[in-house]
PDB file of all heavy atoms in Angstrom:
ATOM      1  N   GLY A   1       6.442   6.198  -2.803  1.00  0.00           N
ATOM      2  CA  GLY A   1       7.155   4.924  -2.819  1.00  0.00           C
ATOM      3  C   GLY A   1       7.308   4.327  -1.431  1.00  0.00           C
ATOM      4  O   GLY A   1       7.188   3.106  -1.246  1.00  0.00           O
ATOM      5  N   LEU A   2       7.553   5.176  -0.436  1.00  0.00           N
ATOM      6  CA  LEU A   2       7.697   4.685   0.935  1.00  0.00           C
ATOM      7  C   LEU A   2       6.392   4.101   1.467  1.00  0.00           C
ATOM      8  O   LEU A   2       6.389   3.053   2.124  1.00  0.00           O
ATOM      9  CB  LEU A   2       8.176   5.828   1.839  1.00  0.00           C
ATOM     10  CG  LEU A   2       9.605   6.325   1.613  1.00  0.00           C
ATOM     11  CD1 LEU A   2       9.881   7.546   2.480  1.00  0.00           C
ATOM     12  CD2 LEU A   2      10.621   5.227   1.915  1.00  0.00           C
ATOM     13  N   GLN A   3       5.280   4.768   1.198  1.00  0.00           N
ATOM     14  CA  GLN A   3       4.014   4.233   1.686  1.00  0.00           C
ATOM     15  C   GLN A   3       3.636   2.960   0.933  1.00  0.00           C
ATOM     16  O   GLN A   3       2.979   2.074   1.475  1.00  0.00           O
ATOM     17  CB  GLN A   3       2.905   5.295   1.610  1.00  0.00           C
ATOM     18  CG  GLN A   3       2.507   5.765   0.222  1.00  0.00           C
ATOM     19  CD  GLN A   3       1.305   5.032  -0.324  1.00  0.00           C
ATOM     20  OE1 GLN A   3       0.507   4.503   0.438  1.00  0.00           O
ATOM     21  NE2 GLN A   3       1.197   4.982  -1.641  1.00  0.00           N
ATOM     22  N   LEU A   4       4.095   2.830  -0.298  1.00  0.00           N
ATOM     23  CA  LEU A   4       3.879   1.592  -1.044  1.00  0.00           C
ATOM     24  C   LEU A   4       4.651   0.439  -0.391  1.00  0.00           C
ATOM     25  O   LEU A   4       4.119  -0.665  -0.214  1.00  0.00           O
ATOM     26  CB  LEU A   4       4.350   1.793  -2.489  1.00  0.00           C
ATOM     27  CG  LEU A   4       3.893   0.785  -3.548  1.00  0.00           C
ATOM     28  CD1 LEU A   4       2.379   0.817  -3.688  1.00  0.00           C
ATOM     29  CD2 LEU A   4       4.553   1.109  -4.886  1.00  0.00           C
ATOM     30  N   GLY A   5       5.902   0.716  -0.016  1.00  0.00           N
ATOM     31  CA  GLY A   5       6.702  -0.311   0.640  1.00  0.00           C
ATOM     32  C   GLY A   5       6.171  -0.691   1.998  1.00  0.00           C
ATOM     33  O   GLY A   5       6.170  -1.877   2.371  1.00  0.00           O
ATOM     34  N   LEU A   6       5.680   0.291   2.761  1.00  0.00           N
ATOM     35  CA  LEU A   6       5.166   0.002   4.097  1.00  0.00           C
ATOM     36  C   LEU A   6       3.911  -0.857   4.035  1.00  0.00           C
ATOM     37  O   LEU A   6       3.653  -1.667   4.940  1.00  0.00           O
ATOM     38  CB  LEU A   6       4.871   1.305   4.845  1.00  0.00           C
ATOM     39  CG  LEU A   6       4.520   1.145   6.328  1.00  0.00           C
ATOM     40  CD1 LEU A   6       5.714   0.577   7.093  1.00  0.00           C
ATOM     41  CD2 LEU A   6       4.111   2.481   6.935  1.00  0.00           C
ATOM     42  N   SER A   7       3.125  -0.690   2.971  1.00  0.00           N
ATOM     43  CA  SER A   7       1.922  -1.521   2.837  1.00  0.00           C
ATOM     44  C   SER A   7       2.274  -2.996   2.703  1.00  0.00           C
ATOM     45  O   SER A   7       1.473  -3.868   3.048  1.00  0.00           O
ATOM     46  CB  SER A   7       1.103  -1.056   1.630  1.00  0.00           C
ATOM     47  OG  SER A   7       1.763  -1.385   0.417  1.00  0.00           O
ATOM     48  N   LEU A   8       3.467  -3.278   2.183  1.00  0.00           N
ATOM     49  CA  LEU A   8       3.921  -4.665   2.080  1.00  0.00           C
ATOM     50  C   LEU A   8       4.502  -5.164   3.395  1.00  0.00           C
ATOM     51  O   LEU A   8       4.302  -6.314   3.788  1.00  0.00           O
ATOM     52  CB  LEU A   8       4.972  -4.792   0.973  1.00  0.00           C
ATOM     53  CG  LEU A   8       4.475  -4.619  -0.461  1.00  0.00           C
ATOM     54  CD1 LEU A   8       5.650  -4.524  -1.423  1.00  0.00           C
ATOM     55  CD2 LEU A   8       3.558  -5.758  -0.857  1.00  0.00           C
ATOM     56  N   LEU A   9       5.226  -4.276   4.073  1.00  0.00           N
ATOM     57  CA  LEU A   9       5.863  -4.668   5.332  1.00  0.00           C
ATOM     58  C   LEU A   9       4.874  -4.749   6.479  1.00  0.00           C
ATOM     59  O   LEU A   9       4.950  -5.649   7.319  1.00  0.00           O
ATOM     60  CB  LEU A   9       6.976  -3.662   5.676  1.00  0.00           C
ATOM     61  CG  LEU A   9       8.258  -3.745   4.853  1.00  0.00           C
ATOM     62  CD1 LEU A   9       9.165  -2.570   5.188  1.00  0.00           C
ATOM     63  CD2 LEU A   9       8.972  -5.064   5.115  1.00  0.00           C
ATOM     64  N   ALA A  10       3.969  -3.787   6.550  1.00  0.00           N
ATOM     65  CA  ALA A  10       3.038  -3.719   7.672  1.00  0.00           C
ATOM     66  C   ALA A  10       1.633  -3.415   7.161  1.00  0.00           C
ATOM     67  O   ALA A  10       1.161  -2.273   7.244  1.00  0.00           O
ATOM     68  CB  ALA A  10       3.497  -2.648   8.669  1.00  0.00           C
ATOM     69  N   PRO A  11       0.938  -4.415   6.619  1.00  0.00           N
ATOM     70  CA  PRO A  11      -0.406  -4.170   6.067  1.00  0.00           C
ATOM     71  C   PRO A  11      -1.480  -3.947   7.119  1.00  0.00           C
ATOM     72  O   PRO A  11      -2.609  -3.587   6.783  1.00  0.00           O
ATOM     73  CB  PRO A  11      -0.680  -5.452   5.277  1.00  0.00           C
ATOM     74  CG  PRO A  11       0.137  -6.500   5.960  1.00  0.00           C
ATOM     75  CD  PRO A  11       1.373  -5.800   6.434  1.00  0.00           C
ATOM     76  N   GLY A  12      -1.127  -4.119   8.397  1.00  0.00           N
ATOM     77  CA  GLY A  12      -2.121  -3.924   9.454  1.00  0.00           C
ATOM     78  C   GLY A  12      -3.153  -5.032   9.458  1.00  0.00           C
ATOM     79  O   GLY A  12      -2.833  -6.211   9.282  1.00  0.00           O
ATOM     80  N   ARG A  13      -4.411  -4.655   9.606  1.00  0.00           N
ATOM     81  CA  ARG A  13      -5.483  -5.641   9.659  1.00  0.00           C
ATOM     82  C   ARG A  13      -5.917  -6.104   8.280  1.00  0.00           C
ATOM     83  O   ARG A  13      -6.699  -7.055   8.160  1.00  0.00           O
ATOM     84  CB  ARG A  13      -6.683  -5.061  10.413  1.00  0.00           C
ATOM     85  CG  ARG A  13      -6.386  -4.731  11.869  1.00  0.00           C
ATOM     86  CD  ARG A  13      -7.628  -4.210  12.574  1.00  0.00           C
ATOM     87  NE  ARG A  13      -7.368  -3.919  13.974  1.00  0.00           N
ATOM     88  CZ  ARG A  13      -8.283  -3.459  14.814  1.00  0.00           C
ATOM     89  NH1 ARG A  13      -9.531  -3.227  14.383  1.00  0.00           N
ATOM     90  NH2 ARG A  13      -7.972  -3.222  16.079  1.00  0.00           N
ATOM     91  N   LEU A  14      -5.448  -5.426   7.254  1.00  0.00           N
ATOM     92  CA  LEU A  14      -5.814  -5.797   5.903  1.00  0.00           C
ATOM     93  C   LEU A  14      -4.938  -6.937   5.406  1.00  0.00           C
ATOM     94  O   LEU A  14      -3.813  -7.134   5.874  1.00  0.00           O
ATOM     95  CB  LEU A  14      -5.656  -4.598   4.957  1.00  0.00           C
ATOM     96  CG  LEU A  14      -6.498  -3.357   5.254  1.00  0.00           C
ATOM     97  CD1 LEU A  14      -6.130  -2.242   4.289  1.00  0.00           C
ATOM     98  CD2 LEU A  14      -7.987  -3.678   5.135  1.00  0.00           C
ATOM     99  N   ARG A  15      -5.452  -7.667   4.443  1.00  0.00           N
ATOM    100  CA  ARG A  15      -4.619  -8.643   3.760  1.00  0.00           C
ATOM    101  C   ARG A  15      -3.555  -7.884   2.973  1.00  0.00           C
ATOM    102  O   ARG A  15      -3.793  -6.773   2.499  1.00  0.00           O
ATOM    103  CB  ARG A  15      -5.462  -9.491   2.810  1.00  0.00           C
ATOM    104  CG  ARG A  15      -6.472 -10.372   3.506  1.00  0.00           C
ATOM    105  CD  ARG A  15      -7.283 -11.145   2.494  1.00  0.00           C
ATOM    106  NE  ARG A  15      -6.433 -11.944   1.617  1.00  0.00           N
ATOM    107  CZ  ARG A  15      -6.883 -12.583   0.540  1.00  0.00           C
ATOM    108  NH1 ARG A  15      -8.163 -12.486   0.199  1.00  0.00           N
ATOM    109  NH2 ARG A  15      -6.061 -13.294  -0.202  1.00  0.00           N
ATOM    110  N   ARG A  16      -2.388  -8.495   2.833  1.00  0.00           N
ATOM    111  CA  ARG A  16      -1.273  -7.801   2.174  1.00  0.00           C
ATOM    112  C   ARG A  16      -1.661  -7.371   0.754  1.00  0.00           C
ATOM    113  O   ARG A  16      -1.310  -6.296   0.305  1.00  0.00           O
ATOM    114  CB  ARG A  16      -0.030  -8.683   2.168  1.00  0.00           C
ATOM    115  CG  ARG A  16       1.201  -8.002   1.627  1.00  0.00           C
ATOM    116  CD  ARG A  16       2.467  -8.771   1.932  1.00  0.00           C
ATOM    117  NE  ARG A  16       2.976  -8.449   3.269  1.00  0.00           N
ATOM    118  CZ  ARG A  16       2.840  -9.209   4.334  1.00  0.00           C
ATOM    119  NH1 ARG A  16       2.202 -10.360   4.237  1.00  0.00           N
ATOM    120  NH2 ARG A  16       3.343  -8.865   5.507  1.00  0.00           N
ATOM    121  N   GLU A  17      -2.398  -8.202   0.064  1.00  0.00           N
ATOM    122  CA  GLU A  17      -2.821  -7.881  -1.302  1.00  0.00           C
ATOM    123  C   GLU A  17      -3.738  -6.674  -1.316  1.00  0.00           C
ATOM    124  O   GLU A  17      -3.607  -5.778  -2.152  1.00  0.00           O
ATOM    125  CB  GLU A  17      -3.525  -9.096  -1.915  1.00  0.00           C
ATOM    126  CG  GLU A  17      -4.015  -8.865  -3.341  1.00  0.00           C
ATOM    127  CD  GLU A  17      -4.796 -10.054  -3.875  1.00  0.00           C
ATOM    128  OE1 GLU A  17      -4.831 -11.102  -3.196  1.00  0.00           O
ATOM    129  OE2 GLU A  17      -5.361  -9.927  -4.975  1.00  0.00           O
ATOM    130  N   THR A  18      -4.681  -6.634  -0.361  1.00  0.00           N
ATOM    131  CA  THR A  18      -5.614  -5.505  -0.287  1.00  0.00           C
ATOM    132  C   THR A  18      -4.893  -4.223   0.088  1.00  0.00           C
ATOM    133  O   THR A  18      -5.140  -3.158  -0.497  1.00  0.00           O
ATOM    134  CB  THR A  18      -6.715  -5.801   0.749  1.00  0.00           C
ATOM    135  OG1 THR A  18      -7.380  -7.011   0.400  1.00  0.00           O
ATOM    136  CG2 THR A  18      -7.723  -4.670   0.798  1.00  0.00           C
ATOM    137  N   ALA A  19      -3.997  -4.313   1.070  1.00  0.00           N
ATOM    138  CA  ALA A  19      -3.237  -3.132   1.489  1.00  0.00           C
ATOM    139  C   ALA A  19      -2.386  -2.593   0.349  1.00  0.00           C
ATOM    140  O   ALA A  19      -2.292  -1.374   0.139  1.00  0.00           O
ATOM    141  CB  ALA A  19      -2.351  -3.481   2.687  1.00  0.00           C
ATOM    142  N   LEU A  20      -1.773  -3.502  -0.413  1.00  0.00           N
ATOM    143  CA  LEU A  20      -0.945  -3.074  -1.540  1.00  0.00           C
ATOM    144  C   LEU A  20      -1.782  -2.414  -2.621  1.00  0.00           C
ATOM    145  O   LEU A  20      -1.377  -1.408  -3.202  1.00  0.00           O
ATOM    146  CB  LEU A  20      -0.194  -4.276  -2.124  1.00  0.00           C
ATOM    147  CG  LEU A  20       0.690  -3.982  -3.348  1.00  0.00           C
ATOM    148  CD1 LEU A  20       1.756  -2.965  -3.004  1.00  0.00           C
ATOM    149  CD2 LEU A  20       1.311  -5.269  -3.872  1.00  0.00           C
ATOM    150  N   ARG A  21      -2.967  -2.954  -2.868  1.00  0.00           N
ATOM    151  CA  ARG A  21      -3.840  -2.379  -3.886  1.00  0.00           C
ATOM    152  C   ARG A  21      -4.254  -0.955  -3.503  1.00  0.00           C
ATOM    153  O   ARG A  21      -4.222  -0.040  -4.340  1.00  0.00           O
ATOM    154  CB  ARG A  21      -5.076  -3.250  -4.075  1.00  0.00           C
ATOM    155  CG  ARG A  21      -5.928  -2.846  -5.273  1.00  0.00           C
ATOM    156  CD  ARG A  21      -7.194  -3.665  -5.379  1.00  0.00           C
ATOM    157  NE  ARG A  21      -6.915  -5.092  -5.434  1.00  0.00           N
ATOM    158  CZ  ARG A  21      -7.261  -5.963  -4.506  1.00  0.00           C
ATOM    159  NH1 ARG A  21      -7.889  -5.548  -3.410  1.00  0.00           N
ATOM    160  NH2 ARG A  21      -6.981  -7.235  -4.620  1.00  0.00           N
ATOM    161  N   GLU A  22      -4.618  -0.761  -2.243  1.00  0.00           N
ATOM    162  CA  GLU A  22      -5.023   0.571  -1.791  1.00  0.00           C
ATOM    163  C   GLU A  22      -3.833   1.537  -1.826  1.00  0.00           C
ATOM    164  O   GLU A  22      -3.969   2.695  -2.241  1.00  0.00           O
ATOM    165  CB  GLU A  22      -5.597   0.497  -0.377  1.00  0.00           C
ATOM    166  CG  GLU A  22      -6.928  -0.229  -0.300  1.00  0.00           C
ATOM    167  CD  GLU A  22      -7.521  -0.191   1.094  1.00  0.00           C
ATOM    168  OE1 GLU A  22      -6.906   0.455   1.988  1.00  0.00           O
ATOM    169  OE2 GLU A  22      -8.593  -0.785   1.306  1.00  0.00           O
ATOM    170  N   ALA A  23      -2.669   1.068  -1.386  1.00  0.00           N
ATOM    171  CA  ALA A  23      -1.480   1.918  -1.399  1.00  0.00           C
ATOM    172  C   ALA A  23      -1.065   2.264  -2.822  1.00  0.00           C
ATOM    173  O   ALA A  23      -0.622   3.381  -3.102  1.00  0.00           O
ATOM    174  CB  ALA A  23      -0.330   1.229  -0.671  1.00  0.00           C
ATOM    175  N   ALA A  24      -1.221   1.313  -3.742  1.00  0.00           N
ATOM    176  CA  ALA A  24      -0.853   1.557  -5.138  1.00  0.00           C
ATOM    177  C   ALA A  24      -1.766   2.609  -5.761  1.00  0.00           C
ATOM    178  O   ALA A  24      -1.307   3.471  -6.520  1.00  0.00           O
ATOM    179  CB  ALA A  24      -0.923   0.256  -5.931  1.00  0.00           C
ATOM    180  N   TRP A  25      -3.055   2.552  -5.439  1.00  0.00           N
ATOM    181  CA  TRP A  25      -3.990   3.538  -5.976  1.00  0.00           C
ATOM    182  C   TRP A  25      -3.674   4.934  -5.435  1.00  0.00           C
ATOM    183  O   TRP A  25      -3.617   5.909  -6.190  1.00  0.00           O
ATOM    184  CB  TRP A  25      -5.421   3.142  -5.631  1.00  0.00           C
ATOM    185  CG  TRP A  25      -6.458   4.185  -5.930  1.00  0.00           C
ATOM    186  CD1 TRP A  25      -7.284   4.803  -5.046  1.00  0.00           C
ATOM    187  CD2 TRP A  25      -6.777   4.738  -7.215  1.00  0.00           C
ATOM    188  NE1 TRP A  25      -8.093   5.703  -5.676  1.00  0.00           N
ATOM    189  CE2 TRP A  25      -7.803   5.693  -7.011  1.00  0.00           C
ATOM    190  CE3 TRP A  25      -6.292   4.532  -8.495  1.00  0.00           C
ATOM    191  CZ2 TRP A  25      -8.354   6.427  -8.064  1.00  0.00           C
ATOM    192  CZ3 TRP A  25      -6.835   5.272  -9.544  1.00  0.00           C
ATOM    193  CH2 TRP A  25      -7.853   6.195  -9.316  1.00  0.00           C
ATOM    194  N   LYS A  26      -3.424   5.006  -4.147  1.00  0.00           N
ATOM    195  CA  LYS A  26      -3.071   6.297  -3.550  1.00  0.00           C
ATOM    196  C   LYS A  26      -1.723   6.782  -4.087  1.00  0.00           C
ATOM    197  O   LYS A  26      -1.558   7.955  -4.432  1.00  0.00           O
ATOM    198  CB  LYS A  26      -3.015   6.154  -2.023  1.00  0.00           C
ATOM    199  CG  LYS A  26      -2.775   7.469  -1.293  1.00  0.00           C
ATOM    200  CD  LYS A  26      -2.642   7.233   0.206  1.00  0.00           C
ATOM    201  CE  LYS A  26      -3.907   6.673   0.806  1.00  0.00           C
ATOM    202  NZ  LYS A  26      -3.793   6.515   2.282  1.00  0.00           N
ATOM    203  N   GLY A  27      -0.756   5.876  -4.166  1.00  0.00           N
ATOM    204  CA  GLY A  27       0.566   6.247  -4.659  1.00  0.00           C
ATOM    205  C   GLY A  27       0.539   6.677  -6.105  1.00  0.00           C
ATOM    206  O   GLY A  27       1.271   7.588  -6.502  1.00  0.00           O
ATOM    207  N   ALA A  28      -0.295   6.032  -6.909  1.00  0.00           N
ATOM    208  CA  ALA A  28      -0.391   6.406  -8.320  1.00  0.00           C
ATOM    209  C   ALA A  28      -0.910   7.832  -8.480  1.00  0.00           C
ATOM    210  O   ALA A  28      -0.439   8.582  -9.339  1.00  0.00           O
ATOM    211  CB  ALA A  28      -1.304   5.426  -9.058  1.00  0.00           C
ATOM    212  N   ARG A  29      -1.856   8.227  -7.641  1.00  0.00           N
ATOM    213  CA  ARG A  29      -2.370   9.605  -7.720  1.00  0.00           C
ATOM    214  C   ARG A  29      -1.319  10.603  -7.249  1.00  0.00           C
ATOM    215  O   ARG A  29      -1.189  11.697  -7.811  1.00  0.00           O
ATOM    216  CB  ARG A  29      -3.653   9.731  -6.895  1.00  0.00           C
ATOM    217  CG  ARG A  29      -4.838   9.016  -7.530  1.00  0.00           C
ATOM    218  CD  ARG A  29      -6.121   9.331  -6.810  1.00  0.00           C
ATOM    219  NE  ARG A  29      -6.119   8.764  -5.465  1.00  0.00           N
ATOM    220  CZ  ARG A  29      -6.897   9.186  -4.478  1.00  0.00           C
ATOM    221  NH1 ARG A  29      -7.689  10.228  -4.659  1.00  0.00           N
ATOM    222  NH2 ARG A  29      -6.855   8.599  -3.299  1.00  0.00           N
ATOM    223  N   LEU A  30      -0.568  10.230  -6.213  1.00  0.00           N
ATOM    224  CA  LEU A  30       0.521  11.107  -5.775  1.00  0.00           C
ATOM    225  C   LEU A  30       1.577  11.243  -6.873  1.00  0.00           C
ATOM    226  O   LEU A  30       2.074  12.339  -7.145  1.00  0.00           O
ATOM    227  CB  LEU A  30       1.164  10.542  -4.506  1.00  0.00           C
ATOM    228  CG  LEU A  30       0.383  10.711  -3.202  1.00  0.00           C
ATOM    229  CD1 LEU A  30       0.979   9.846  -2.107  1.00  0.00           C
ATOM    230  CD2 LEU A  30       0.367  12.172  -2.767  1.00  0.00           C
ATOM    231  N   ALA A  31       1.906  10.118  -7.513  1.00  0.00           N
ATOM    232  CA  ALA A  31       2.907  10.149  -8.579  1.00  0.00           C
ATOM    233  C   ALA A  31       2.404  10.967  -9.766  1.00  0.00           C
ATOM    234  O   ALA A  31       3.179  11.703 -10.395  1.00  0.00           O
ATOM    235  CB  ALA A  31       3.245   8.723  -9.024  1.00  0.00           C
TER     236      ALA A  31
END
């Protein structure tokens, strides 16, 4: 959940939508 939230706050060089999608996929596997 924390890495999901950070992808929204600080997506880095990625677009926020892309960062969220990648974080959601990773987070879903962790969950």
